[in-house]
Amino acid sequence: MTTKTGVGYSENPDSKMAGIEAAKMAMQEAGIESCNLAILYATSKQDPELLSEGVRSVIGSGARLIGGYALGIITKDFLAYEGYQVGIVVMKTESIIIDMFIEKGLSDNEYNTGVALGNQIRNKKYKGEPNILLMYDSIKEMVTEGLSLNMATPLLQGMKQSLQDWPRMGGVGMMGDWNWNPTYQWFDNRIEQNTAMALVLSGNVRMDTIIMHGCKPSSNYRTITKAEGNIVLEIDNKPASSYP
């Protein structure tokens, strides 16, 4: 009934080799030769298909695989970003039940995507309380008028509508660099875009979460008095452009 986990990382610019290196490190740290689950993150400098091929060559075809692009990687002994970073967690377990769900068509449809994803989660029977890791594509569009982000608030509101009772949950909006280049997600053997995904763990497991933004207030509280969508026009009845 034991559960073993391991973490691996790589900065190899060869995407297939990076997947192999990171997965081998994680498997060795866990002391296992096979796993049930792999959670994979990488910056946009890595090729999503070649990276997953490298990972699969180590973890095998039977393991569940989920993840997507990230700005960087942090482990207990490694921290880096804006490069070729790859990070992976592998898990082999007999007591934790693994379920994965995905909804496509997230752009300009956050609320309905949340409702649909929440319905998938709710309609599944679990052993004990479910623990949810939510991952969604942050980048909405790449157009000449500018870039946009998918909004978490309506996505979560939609999920709340379906789930009713809010379970333990952590999550992340995924983007691979600060230039907002297109993002990719891994879901088993598929490479996706514009999705919201949920990894649900149940059985002999409990999720604990903490928010660690690493920020402190730069001023007193302000009030947004005028806005259009996600664009702030006025703060405390003064034009936003008048603030430094």
Protein backbone atom coordinates (compact mmCIF):
# COMPACT_ATOMS: atom_id res chain seq x y z
CA MET A 1 0.00 0.00 0.00
CA THR A 2 3.03 2.29 -0.26
CA THR A 3 3.27 5.35 -2.49
CA LYS A 4 6.61 6.42 -3.92
CA THR A 5 7.35 9.71 -5.64
CA GLY A 6 10.34 11.30 -7.30
CA VAL A 7 11.24 14.59 -8.93
CA GLY A 8 13.49 15.17 -11.92
CA TYR A 9 14.58 18.10 -14.04
CA SER A 10 16.69 18.95 -17.07
CA GLU A 11 17.93 21.96 -19.01
CA ASN A 12 18.98 20.05 -22.10
CA PRO A 13 18.02 22.02 -25.26
CA ASP A 14 17.43 18.70 -27.05
CA SER A 15 13.78 18.18 -26.12
CA LYS A 16 13.73 14.37 -26.39
CA MET A 17 16.91 14.07 -24.33
CA ALA A 18 15.54 16.55 -21.81
CA GLY A 19 12.49 14.33 -21.32
CA ILE A 20 14.66 11.26 -20.91
CA GLU A 21 17.01 12.95 -18.43
CA ALA A 22 14.25 14.43 -16.27
CA ALA A 23 12.18 11.23 -16.22
CA LYS A 24 15.20 9.04 -15.39
CA MET A 25 16.16 11.33 -12.52
CA ALA A 26 12.64 11.22 -11.11
CA MET A 27 12.38 7.44 -11.38
CA GLN A 28 15.77 6.99 -9.74
CA GLU A 29 14.86 9.34 -6.87
CA ALA A 30 11.65 7.38 -6.30
CA GLY A 31 13.49 4.07 -6.53
CA ILE A 32 11.02 2.65 -9.04
CA GLU A 33 11.10 1.12 -12.51
CA SER A 34 7.48 1.93 -13.41
CA CYS A 35 4.93 4.53 -12.34
CA ASN A 36 1.21 5.24 -12.40
CA LEU A 37 1.38 8.99 -12.92
CA ALA A 38 3.72 11.65 -14.29
CA ILE A 39 3.14 15.40 -13.99
CA LEU A 40 5.24 17.27 -16.55
CA TYR A 41 6.07 20.98 -16.93
CA ALA A 42 8.45 22.75 -19.32
CA THR A 43 9.14 26.18 -20.79
CA SER A 44 8.07 27.09 -24.31
CA LYS A 45 11.61 26.53 -25.61
CA GLN A 46 10.99 22.78 -25.50
CA ASP A 47 9.19 20.96 -28.31
CA PRO A 48 6.05 19.43 -26.75
CA GLU A 49 5.97 16.30 -28.93
CA LEU A 50 9.66 15.42 -28.66
CA LEU A 51 9.66 16.10 -24.92
CA SER A 52 6.74 13.76 -24.32
CA GLU A 53 8.39 11.12 -26.49
CA GLY A 54 11.46 11.25 -24.29
CA VAL A 55 9.41 11.01 -21.10
CA ARG A 56 7.34 8.11 -22.47
CA SER A 57 10.48 6.17 -23.38
CA VAL A 58 11.29 6.11 -19.65
CA ILE A 59 7.90 5.88 -17.87
CA GLY A 60 6.30 3.53 -20.39
CA SER A 61 2.97 3.65 -22.19
CA GLY A 62 0.78 2.68 -19.23
CA ALA A 63 1.41 5.69 -16.97
CA ARG A 64 -0.97 8.62 -16.93
CA LEU A 65 0.68 11.85 -18.11
CA ILE A 66 -0.57 15.38 -17.49
CA GLY A 67 0.94 18.87 -17.47
CA GLY A 68 1.85 21.80 -19.66
CA TYR A 69 4.04 24.82 -20.19
CA ALA A 70 5.52 26.80 -17.30
CA LEU A 71 7.78 29.84 -16.89
CA GLY A 72 10.40 27.84 -15.01
CA ILE A 73 11.06 24.98 -12.61
CA ILE A 74 11.56 24.87 -8.84
CA THR A 75 12.59 21.72 -6.96
CA LYS A 76 14.21 21.23 -3.57
CA ASP A 77 17.66 21.67 -5.12
CA PHE A 78 17.08 23.44 -8.43
CA LEU A 79 15.58 26.79 -9.51
CA ALA A 80 15.70 28.31 -12.98
CA TYR A 81 13.54 30.06 -15.55
CA GLU A 82 13.58 31.64 -19.04
CA GLY A 83 15.62 28.76 -20.41
CA TYR A 84 15.12 25.13 -21.43
CA GLN A 85 13.89 23.95 -18.04
CA VAL A 86 11.88 20.74 -17.71
CA GLY A 87 10.46 19.38 -14.46
CA ILE A 88 8.61 16.15 -13.78
CA VAL A 89 7.06 14.37 -10.81
CA VAL A 90 6.47 10.62 -11.00
CA MET A 91 4.35 8.56 -8.63
CA LYS A 92 3.86 4.85 -8.12
CA THR A 93 0.98 3.99 -5.82
CA GLU A 94 -1.37 1.21 -4.82
CA SER A 95 -3.51 3.30 -2.47
CA ILE A 96 -4.17 6.52 -4.43
CA ILE A 97 -6.77 6.53 -7.19
CA ILE A 98 -5.88 8.67 -10.21
CA ASP A 99 -8.52 10.32 -12.42
CA MET A 100 -7.96 12.92 -15.13
CA PHE A 101 -10.44 15.14 -16.94
CA ILE A 102 -10.15 17.64 -19.79
CA GLU A 103 -12.36 20.22 -21.49
CA LYS A 104 -11.44 21.96 -24.76
CA GLY A 105 -12.57 25.30 -26.16
CA LEU A 106 -11.59 27.45 -23.18
CA SER A 107 -11.04 30.78 -25.01
CA ASP A 108 -13.91 33.25 -24.48
CA ASN A 109 -15.81 30.37 -22.90
CA GLU A 110 -14.33 30.13 -19.41
CA TYR A 111 -17.58 29.81 -17.47
CA ASN A 112 -19.10 27.09 -19.66
CA THR A 113 -15.79 25.23 -19.73
CA GLY A 114 -15.78 25.33 -15.93
CA VAL A 115 -19.33 24.00 -15.78
CA ALA A 116 -18.47 21.11 -18.12
CA LEU A 117 -15.24 20.25 -16.30
CA GLY A 118 -17.03 20.40 -12.95
CA ASN A 119 -19.73 18.06 -14.24
CA GLN A 120 -17.10 15.54 -15.32
CA ILE A 121 -15.54 15.64 -11.86
CA ARG A 122 -18.86 15.46 -10.01
CA ASN A 123 -20.18 12.50 -12.06
CA LYS A 124 -17.26 10.29 -11.02
CA LYS A 125 -17.44 8.17 -7.86
CA TYR A 126 -14.49 8.55 -5.50
CA LYS A 127 -13.08 6.70 -2.55
CA GLY A 128 -13.17 9.39 0.11
CA GLU A 129 -12.78 13.08 -0.65
CA PRO A 130 -11.39 14.09 -4.06
CA ASN A 131 -8.32 16.33 -4.22
CA ILE A 132 -8.12 18.42 -7.39
CA LEU A 133 -5.15 19.93 -9.22
CA LEU A 134 -6.56 22.31 -11.84
CA MET A 135 -4.45 23.32 -14.84
CA TYR A 136 -5.60 25.59 -17.65
CA ASP A 137 -4.13 27.30 -20.71
CA SER A 138 -3.53 30.95 -19.78
CA ILE A 139 -2.99 32.30 -23.30
CA LYS A 140 -6.20 33.17 -25.11
CA GLU A 141 -5.12 34.53 -28.45
CA MET A 142 -2.20 35.67 -30.60
CA VAL A 143 -3.53 38.51 -32.77
CA THR A 144 -2.21 41.81 -34.12
CA GLU A 145 -4.42 43.74 -31.70
CA GLY A 146 -2.58 42.27 -28.74
CA LEU A 147 -2.63 39.33 -26.39
CA SER A 148 -5.26 38.20 -23.92
CA LEU A 149 -5.46 35.82 -21.01
CA ASN A 150 -8.09 33.27 -20.13
CA MET A 151 -9.68 34.37 -16.87
CA ALA A 152 -9.65 32.08 -13.84
CA THR A 153 -12.60 33.73 -12.06
CA PRO A 154 -15.37 32.65 -14.49
CA LEU A 155 -13.70 29.25 -14.91
CA LEU A 156 -13.88 28.68 -11.14
CA GLN A 157 -17.41 30.07 -10.98
CA GLY A 158 -18.48 27.53 -13.58
CA MET A 159 -16.82 24.70 -11.70
CA LYS A 160 -18.47 25.84 -8.47
CA GLN A 161 -21.86 25.78 -10.19
CA SER A 162 -21.36 22.11 -11.07
CA LEU A 163 -19.46 20.87 -8.03
CA GLN A 164 -21.68 22.65 -5.46
CA ASP A 165 -19.53 21.47 -2.54
CA TRP A 166 -16.04 22.90 -3.07
CA PRO A 167 -13.37 20.18 -2.62
CA ARG A 168 -9.70 20.61 -1.77
CA MET A 169 -8.12 22.22 -4.79
CA GLY A 170 -4.93 23.81 -6.04
CA GLY A 171 -4.28 25.10 -9.50
CA VAL A 172 -2.25 27.00 -12.04
CA GLY A 173 -2.74 28.99 -15.23
CA MET A 174 -0.05 27.75 -17.60
CA MET A 175 2.17 29.88 -19.82
CA GLY A 176 5.61 29.05 -21.18
CA ASP A 177 7.31 32.45 -21.30
CA TRP A 178 6.79 36.15 -20.64
CA ASN A 179 6.28 36.80 -24.37
CA TRP A 180 2.95 34.94 -24.21
CA ASN A 181 3.86 32.51 -26.97
CA PRO A 182 1.36 29.70 -27.63
CA THR A 183 1.10 27.12 -24.87
CA TYR A 184 0.67 23.35 -24.98
CA GLN A 185 -0.76 20.81 -22.57
CA TRP A 186 -0.09 17.09 -22.18
CA PHE A 187 -3.01 14.77 -21.49
CA ASP A 188 -1.98 11.11 -21.65
CA ASN A 189 -0.77 10.61 -25.24
CA ARG A 190 -2.37 13.79 -26.57
CA ILE A 191 -0.88 17.26 -27.05
CA GLU A 192 -3.56 19.91 -26.61
CA GLN A 193 -4.10 23.68 -26.57
CA ASN A 194 -6.86 25.92 -25.21
CA THR A 195 -7.93 23.44 -22.52
CA ALA A 196 -8.74 23.18 -18.84
CA MET A 197 -7.63 19.96 -17.14
CA ALA A 198 -8.13 18.44 -13.72
CA LEU A 199 -6.01 15.81 -12.01
CA VAL A 200 -8.14 14.27 -9.25
CA LEU A 201 -6.53 12.11 -6.56
CA SER A 202 -8.63 10.15 -4.08
CA GLY A 203 -8.20 7.27 -1.67
CA ASN A 204 -5.27 7.38 0.74
CA VAL A 205 -4.30 11.00 0.05
CA ARG A 206 -5.01 14.51 1.32
CA MET A 207 -4.03 17.74 -0.41
CA ASP A 208 -2.73 20.69 1.61
CA THR A 209 -2.33 24.04 -0.14
CA ILE A 210 -0.71 27.38 0.62
CA ILE A 211 -0.51 30.63 -1.35
CA MET A 212 3.05 31.90 -1.72
CA HIS A 213 3.12 34.89 -4.04
CA GLY A 214 6.28 36.31 -2.47
CA CYS A 215 4.87 39.84 -2.71
CA LYS A 216 4.23 42.68 -0.28
CA PRO A 217 1.97 45.74 -0.69
CA SER A 218 3.61 48.65 -2.53
CA SER A 219 1.05 51.22 -1.31
CA ASN A 220 -2.18 51.61 0.62
CA TYR A 221 -5.30 49.94 -0.77
CA ARG A 222 -6.75 51.59 -3.88
CA THR A 223 -10.19 51.33 -5.49
CA ILE A 224 -10.69 50.70 -9.20
CA THR A 225 -13.45 53.17 -10.11
CA LYS A 226 -13.63 52.56 -13.86
CA ALA A 227 -12.66 49.64 -16.09
CA GLU A 228 -13.41 48.01 -19.42
CA GLY A 229 -13.00 44.25 -19.22
CA ASN A 230 -9.54 43.62 -17.80
CA ILE A 231 -8.30 47.18 -18.58
CA VAL A 232 -8.15 49.56 -15.60
CA LEU A 233 -9.09 53.11 -16.60
CA GLU A 234 -9.48 54.88 -13.25
CA ILE A 235 -8.12 54.37 -9.73
CA ASP A 236 -9.74 56.36 -6.90
CA ASN A 237 -11.55 58.45 -9.55
CA LYS A 238 -8.27 59.45 -11.20
CA PRO A 239 -6.98 58.28 -14.60
CA ALA A 240 -4.87 55.17 -14.22
CA SER A 241 -2.25 56.76 -16.48
CA SER A 242 -1.59 59.42 -13.81
CA TYR A 243 -0.16 56.81 -11.43
CA PRO A 244 3.57 56.06 -11.64
